[in-house]
Amino acid sequence: MKIVFTPNQTRQLLAWAANYVRFEVDEGILPSGVRIIVELAPPFGSLADAQYGEARLELGEVEVER
């Protein structure tokens, strides 16, 4: 299975995650990364969110390829 993000979703995700990674690196902490959550809900589509601790970024609908 392959999750496909749009170019805009990719830019949004990388910019959002960079803030957390930069903070951790500046503090001398090994970067923990972010969690990507994909909800598969046919026939309604698939939605993705990114999560870092309690912070959440809604990415919206994504394409899921088999």
PDB file of N, CA and C in Angstrom:
ATOM      1  N   MET A   1       0.845  -1.162   0.000  1.00  0.00           N
ATOM      2  CA  MET A   1       0.000   0.000   0.000  1.00  0.00           C
ATOM      3  C   MET A   1       0.898   1.235   0.000  1.00  0.00           C
ATOM      4  N   LYS A   2       0.474   2.258  -0.716  1.00  0.00           N
ATOM      5  CA  LYS A   2       1.246   3.490  -0.829  1.00  0.00           C
ATOM      6  C   LYS A   2       0.332   4.680  -0.534  1.00  0.00           C
ATOM      7  N   ILE A   3       0.775   5.531   0.377  1.00  0.00           N
ATOM      8  CA  ILE A   3       0.030   6.740   0.713  1.00  0.00           C
ATOM      9  C   ILE A   3       0.633   7.879  -0.104  1.00  0.00           C
ATOM     10  N   VAL A   4      -0.183   8.601  -0.861  1.00  0.00           N
ATOM     11  CA  VAL A   4       0.308   9.664  -1.738  1.00  0.00           C
ATOM     12  C   VAL A   4      -0.190  11.016  -1.230  1.00  0.00           C
ATOM     13  N   PHE A   5       0.770  11.888  -0.908  1.00  0.00           N
ATOM     14  CA  PHE A   5       0.459  13.250  -0.498  1.00  0.00           C
ATOM     15  C   PHE A   5       0.593  14.175  -1.706  1.00  0.00           C
ATOM     16  N   THR A   6      -0.201  15.225  -1.748  1.00  0.00           N
ATOM     17  CA  THR A   6      -0.049  16.226  -2.799  1.00  0.00           C
ATOM     18  C   THR A   6       1.225  17.025  -2.517  1.00  0.00           C
ATOM     19  N   PRO A   7       1.752  17.719  -3.518  1.00  0.00           N
ATOM     20  CA  PRO A   7       2.929  18.560  -3.266  1.00  0.00           C
ATOM     21  C   PRO A   7       2.680  19.581  -2.149  1.00  0.00           C
ATOM     22  N   ASN A   8       1.494  20.146  -2.090  1.00  0.00           N
ATOM     23  CA  ASN A   8       1.170  21.113  -1.041  1.00  0.00           C
ATOM     24  C   ASN A   8       1.156  20.452   0.340  1.00  0.00           C
ATOM     25  N   GLN A   9       0.578  19.273   0.448  1.00  0.00           N
ATOM     26  CA  GLN A   9       0.566  18.546   1.725  1.00  0.00           C
ATOM     27  C   GLN A   9       1.989  18.216   2.163  1.00  0.00           C
ATOM     28  N   THR A  10       2.840  17.836   1.208  1.00  0.00           N
ATOM     29  CA  THR A  10       4.228  17.512   1.521  1.00  0.00           C
ATOM     30  C   THR A  10       4.955  18.737   2.060  1.00  0.00           C
ATOM     31  N   ARG A  11       4.810  19.885   1.393  1.00  0.00           N
ATOM     32  CA  ARG A  11       5.441  21.126   1.864  1.00  0.00           C
ATOM     33  C   ARG A  11       4.951  21.492   3.253  1.00  0.00           C
ATOM     34  N   GLN A  12       3.649  21.393   3.451  1.00  0.00           N
ATOM     35  CA  GLN A  12       3.033  21.719   4.735  1.00  0.00           C
ATOM     36  C   GLN A  12       3.579  20.820   5.850  1.00  0.00           C
ATOM     37  N   LEU A  13       3.638  19.532   5.593  1.00  0.00           N
ATOM     38  CA  LEU A  13       4.113  18.563   6.580  1.00  0.00           C
ATOM     39  C   LEU A  13       5.584  18.792   6.922  1.00  0.00           C
ATOM     40  N   LEU A  14       6.420  18.968   5.908  1.00  0.00           N
ATOM     41  CA  LEU A  14       7.847  19.151   6.154  1.00  0.00           C
ATOM     42  C   LEU A  14       8.127  20.451   6.909  1.00  0.00           C
ATOM     43  N   ALA A  15       7.423  21.523   6.582  1.00  0.00           N
ATOM     44  CA  ALA A  15       7.614  22.798   7.290  1.00  0.00           C
ATOM     45  C   ALA A  15       7.160  22.676   8.737  1.00  0.00           C
ATOM     46  N   TRP A  16       6.036  22.035   8.953  1.00  0.00           N
ATOM     47  CA  TRP A  16       5.484  21.868  10.308  1.00  0.00           C
ATOM     48  C   TRP A  16       6.427  21.014  11.152  1.00  0.00           C
ATOM     49  N   ALA A  17       6.873  19.882  10.606  1.00  0.00           N
ATOM     50  CA  ALA A  17       7.756  18.971  11.345  1.00  0.00           C
ATOM     51  C   ALA A  17       9.118  19.595  11.608  1.00  0.00           C
ATOM     52  N   ALA A  18       9.604  20.424  10.680  1.00  0.00           N
ATOM     53  CA  ALA A  18      10.922  21.042  10.837  1.00  0.00           C
ATOM     54  C   ALA A  18      11.015  21.870  12.109  1.00  0.00           C
ATOM     55  N   ASN A  19       9.934  22.504  12.507  1.00  0.00           N
ATOM     56  CA  ASN A  19       9.936  23.306  13.737  1.00  0.00           C
ATOM     57  C   ASN A  19      10.251  22.449  14.955  1.00  0.00           C
ATOM     58  N   TYR A  20       9.669  21.278  15.023  1.00  0.00           N
ATOM     59  CA  TYR A  20       9.884  20.388  16.166  1.00  0.00           C
ATOM     60  C   TYR A  20      11.278  19.766  16.125  1.00  0.00           C
ATOM     61  N   VAL A  21      11.707  19.350  14.944  1.00  0.00           N
ATOM     62  CA  VAL A  21      13.037  18.753  14.805  1.00  0.00           C
ATOM     63  C   VAL A  21      14.106  19.789  15.141  1.00  0.00           C
ATOM     64  N   ARG A  22      13.934  21.016  14.646  1.00  0.00           N
ATOM     65  CA  ARG A  22      14.903  22.081  14.910  1.00  0.00           C
ATOM     66  C   ARG A  22      15.014  22.348  16.411  1.00  0.00           C
ATOM     67  N   PHE A  23      13.891  22.409  17.095  1.00  0.00           N
ATOM     68  CA  PHE A  23      13.887  22.635  18.540  1.00  0.00           C
ATOM     69  C   PHE A  23      14.656  21.528  19.257  1.00  0.00           C
ATOM     70  N   GLU A  24      14.380  20.273  18.904  1.00  0.00           N
ATOM     71  CA  GLU A  24      15.037  19.147  19.563  1.00  0.00           C
ATOM     72  C   GLU A  24      16.544  19.157  19.315  1.00  0.00           C
ATOM     73  N   VAL A  25      16.946  19.420  18.089  1.00  0.00           N
ATOM     74  CA  VAL A  25      18.369  19.454  17.760  1.00  0.00           C
ATOM     75  C   VAL A  25      19.050  20.604  18.512  1.00  0.00           C
ATOM     76  N   ASP A  26      18.421  21.768  18.527  1.00  0.00           N
ATOM     77  CA  ASP A  26      18.985  22.920  19.241  1.00  0.00           C
ATOM     78  C   ASP A  26      19.147  22.654  20.731  1.00  0.00           C
ATOM     79  N   GLU A  27      18.280  21.802  21.278  1.00  0.00           N
ATOM     80  CA  GLU A  27      18.339  21.465  22.703  1.00  0.00           C
ATOM     81  C   GLU A  27      19.238  20.255  22.975  1.00  0.00           C
ATOM     82  N   GLY A  28      19.862  19.721  21.915  1.00  0.00           N
ATOM     83  CA  GLY A  28      20.742  18.571  22.084  1.00  0.00           C
ATOM     84  C   GLY A  28      19.999  17.260  22.270  1.00  0.00           C
ATOM     85  N   ILE A  29      18.754  17.223  21.821  1.00  0.00           N
ATOM     86  CA  ILE A  29      17.909  16.031  21.955  1.00  0.00           C
ATOM     87  C   ILE A  29      17.874  15.300  20.611  1.00  0.00           C
ATOM     88  N   LEU A  30      17.949  13.988  20.655  1.00  0.00           N
ATOM     89  CA  LEU A  30      17.816  13.190  19.437  1.00  0.00           C
ATOM     90  C   LEU A  30      16.409  13.399  18.882  1.00  0.00           C
ATOM     91  N   PRO A  31      16.273  13.848  17.625  1.00  0.00           N
ATOM     92  CA  PRO A  31      14.937  14.113  17.069  1.00  0.00           C
ATOM     93  C   PRO A  31      14.045  12.875  17.116  1.00  0.00           C
ATOM     94  N   SER A  32      12.840  13.081  17.609  1.00  0.00           N
ATOM     95  CA  SER A  32      11.903  11.964  17.755  1.00  0.00           C
ATOM     96  C   SER A  32      11.014  11.783  16.534  1.00  0.00           C
ATOM     97  N   GLY A  33      10.927  12.787  15.669  1.00  0.00           N
ATOM     98  CA  GLY A  33      10.090  12.694  14.484  1.00  0.00           C
ATOM     99  C   GLY A  33       8.629  12.947  14.803  1.00  0.00           C
ATOM    100  N   VAL A  34       7.799  12.794  13.801  1.00  0.00           N
ATOM    101  CA  VAL A  34       6.365  12.985  13.947  1.00  0.00           C
ATOM    102  C   VAL A  34       5.647  11.709  13.531  1.00  0.00           C
ATOM    103  N   ARG A  35       4.427  11.581  13.977  1.00  0.00           N
ATOM    104  CA  ARG A  35       3.602  10.412  13.640  1.00  0.00           C
ATOM    105  C   ARG A  35       2.633  10.816  12.533  1.00  0.00           C
ATOM    106  N   ILE A  36       2.493   9.970  11.525  1.00  0.00           N
ATOM    107  CA  ILE A  36       1.513  10.172  10.459  1.00  0.00           C
ATOM    108  C   ILE A  36       0.367   9.191  10.706  1.00  0.00           C
ATOM    109  N   ILE A  37      -0.835   9.719  10.782  1.00  0.00           N
ATOM    110  CA  ILE A  37      -2.020   8.894  11.015  1.00  0.00           C
ATOM    111  C   ILE A  37      -2.892   8.958   9.771  1.00  0.00           C
ATOM    112  N   VAL A  38      -3.169   7.812   9.183  1.00  0.00           N
ATOM    113  CA  VAL A  38      -4.013   7.744   7.995  1.00  0.00           C
ATOM    114  C   VAL A  38      -5.252   6.939   8.343  1.00  0.00           C
ATOM    115  N   GLU A  39      -6.408   7.548   8.109  1.00  0.00           N
ATOM    116  CA  GLU A  39      -7.687   6.873   8.352  1.00  0.00           C
ATOM    117  C   GLU A  39      -8.257   6.425   7.015  1.00  0.00           C
ATOM    118  N   LEU A  40      -8.396   5.114   6.877  1.00  0.00           N
ATOM    119  CA  LEU A  40      -8.988   4.554   5.670  1.00  0.00           C
ATOM    120  C   LEU A  40     -10.473   4.350   5.936  1.00  0.00           C
ATOM    121  N   ALA A  41     -11.316   5.034   5.176  1.00  0.00           N
ATOM    122  CA  ALA A  41     -12.749   4.971   5.433  1.00  0.00           C
ATOM    123  C   ALA A  41     -13.541   4.898   4.134  1.00  0.00           C
ATOM    124  N   PRO A  42     -13.368   3.799   3.376  1.00  0.00           N
ATOM    125  CA  PRO A  42     -14.152   3.683   2.146  1.00  0.00           C
ATOM    126  C   PRO A  42     -15.640   3.649   2.491  1.00  0.00           C
ATOM    127  N   PRO A  43     -16.507   4.195   1.762  1.00  0.00           N
ATOM    128  CA  PRO A  43     -16.314   4.869   0.472  1.00  0.00           C
ATOM    129  C   PRO A  43     -16.071   6.375   0.623  1.00  0.00           C
ATOM    130  N   PHE A  44     -15.762   6.836   1.812  1.00  0.00           N
ATOM    131  CA  PHE A  44     -15.651   8.271   2.066  1.00  0.00           C
ATOM    132  C   PHE A  44     -14.285   8.854   1.759  1.00  0.00           C
ATOM    133  N   GLY A  45     -13.301   8.032   1.500  1.00  0.00           N
ATOM    134  CA  GLY A  45     -11.960   8.522   1.219  1.00  0.00           C
ATOM    135  C   GLY A  45     -11.022   8.248   2.379  1.00  0.00           C
ATOM    136  N   SER A  46      -9.812   8.729   2.269  1.00  0.00           N
ATOM    137  CA  SER A  46      -8.793   8.515   3.290  1.00  0.00           C
ATOM    138  C   SER A  46      -8.258   9.864   3.745  1.00  0.00           C
ATOM    139  N   LEU A  47      -8.136  10.033   5.043  1.00  0.00           N
ATOM    140  CA  LEU A  47      -7.676  11.295   5.624  1.00  0.00           C
ATOM    141  C   LEU A  47      -6.372  11.072   6.360  1.00  0.00           C
ATOM    142  N   ALA A  48      -5.509  12.094   6.355  1.00  0.00           N
ATOM    143  CA  ALA A  48      -4.229  11.996   7.042  1.00  0.00           C
ATOM    144  C   ALA A  48      -4.051  13.175   7.996  1.00  0.00           C
ATOM    145  N   ASP A  49      -3.431  12.892   9.125  1.00  0.00           N
ATOM    146  CA  ASP A  49      -3.025  13.895  10.106  1.00  0.00           C
ATOM    147  C   ASP A  49      -1.585  13.592  10.481  1.00  0.00           C
ATOM    148  N   ALA A  50      -0.879  14.622  10.928  1.00  0.00           N
ATOM    149  CA  ALA A  50       0.441  14.441  11.507  1.00  0.00           C
ATOM    150  C   ALA A  50       0.324  14.803  12.974  1.00  0.00           C
ATOM    151  N   GLN A  51       1.091  14.127  13.822  1.00  0.00           N
ATOM    152  CA  GLN A  51       1.017  14.369  15.252  1.00  0.00           C
ATOM    153  C   GLN A  51       2.409  14.419  15.853  1.00  0.00           C
ATOM    154  N   TYR A  52       2.613  15.397  16.730  1.00  0.00           N
ATOM    155  CA  TYR A  52       3.841  15.507  17.516  1.00  0.00           C
ATOM    156  C   TYR A  52       3.392  15.824  18.931  1.00  0.00           C
ATOM    157  N   GLY A  53       3.482  14.850  19.817  1.00  0.00           N
ATOM    158  CA  GLY A  53       2.941  15.043  21.166  1.00  0.00           C
ATOM    159  C   GLY A  53       1.458  15.335  21.074  1.00  0.00           C
ATOM    160  N   GLU A  54       1.038  16.461  21.632  1.00  0.00           N
ATOM    161  CA  GLU A  54      -0.375  16.858  21.570  1.00  0.00           C
ATOM    162  C   GLU A  54      -0.685  17.710  20.342  1.00  0.00           C
ATOM    163  N   ALA A  55       0.341  18.194  19.648  1.00  0.00           N
ATOM    164  CA  ALA A  55       0.140  19.032  18.462  1.00  0.00           C
ATOM    165  C   ALA A  55      -0.306  18.164  17.289  1.00  0.00           C
ATOM    166  N   ARG A  56      -1.211  18.700  16.505  1.00  0.00           N
ATOM    167  CA  ARG A  56      -1.753  17.931  15.387  1.00  0.00           C
ATOM    168  C   ARG A  56      -1.898  18.826  14.163  1.00  0.00           C
ATOM    169  N   LEU A  57      -1.554  18.294  13.008  1.00  0.00           N
ATOM    170  CA  LEU A  57      -1.708  18.992  11.736  1.00  0.00           C
ATOM    171  C   LEU A  57      -2.637  18.177  10.862  1.00  0.00           C
ATOM    172  N   GLU A  58      -3.748  18.749  10.472  1.00  0.00           N
ATOM    173  CA  GLU A  58      -4.682  18.070   9.575  1.00  0.00           C
ATOM    174  C   GLU A  58      -4.208  18.270   8.145  1.00  0.00           C
ATOM    175  N   LEU A  59      -3.915  17.169   7.477  1.00  0.00           N
ATOM    176  CA  LEU A  59      -3.443  17.231   6.090  1.00  0.00           C
ATOM    177  C   LEU A  59      -4.566  17.064   5.084  1.00  0.00           C
ATOM    178  N   GLY A  60      -5.667  16.506   5.513  1.00  0.00           N
ATOM    179  CA  GLY A  60      -6.807  16.335   4.618  1.00  0.00           C
ATOM    180  C   GLY A  60      -6.793  15.020   3.881  1.00  0.00           C
ATOM    181  N   GLU A  61      -7.505  14.994   2.783  1.00  0.00           N
ATOM    182  CA  GLU A  61      -7.673  13.749   2.025  1.00  0.00           C
ATOM    183  C   GLU A  61      -6.381  13.376   1.296  1.00  0.00           C
ATOM    184  N   VAL A  62      -6.046  12.104   1.353  1.00  0.00           N
ATOM    185  CA  VAL A  62      -4.868  11.582   0.651  1.00  0.00           C
ATOM    186  C   VAL A  62      -5.289  10.425  -0.246  1.00  0.00           C
ATOM    187  N   GLU A  63      -4.448  10.150  -1.209  1.00  0.00           N
ATOM    188  CA  GLU A  63      -4.698   9.034  -2.129  1.00  0.00           C
ATOM    189  C   GLU A  63      -3.994   7.788  -1.576  1.00  0.00           C
ATOM    190  N   VAL A  64      -4.697   6.668  -1.603  1.00  0.00           N
ATOM    191  CA  VAL A  64      -4.116   5.408  -1.183  1.00  0.00           C
ATOM    192  C   VAL A  64      -4.088   4.475  -2.381  1.00  0.00           C
ATOM    193  N   GLU A  65      -2.878   4.038  -2.738  1.00  0.00           N
ATOM    194  CA  GLU A  65      -2.710   3.129  -3.867  1.00  0.00           C
ATOM    195  C   GLU A  65      -2.396   1.733  -3.344  1.00  0.00           C
ATOM    196  N   ARG A  66      -2.889   0.745  -4.046  1.00  0.00           N
ATOM    197  CA  ARG A  66      -2.597  -0.649  -3.668  1.00  0.00           C
ATOM    198  C   ARG A  66      -1.416  -1.157  -4.421  1.00  0.00           C
TER     199      ARG A  66
END
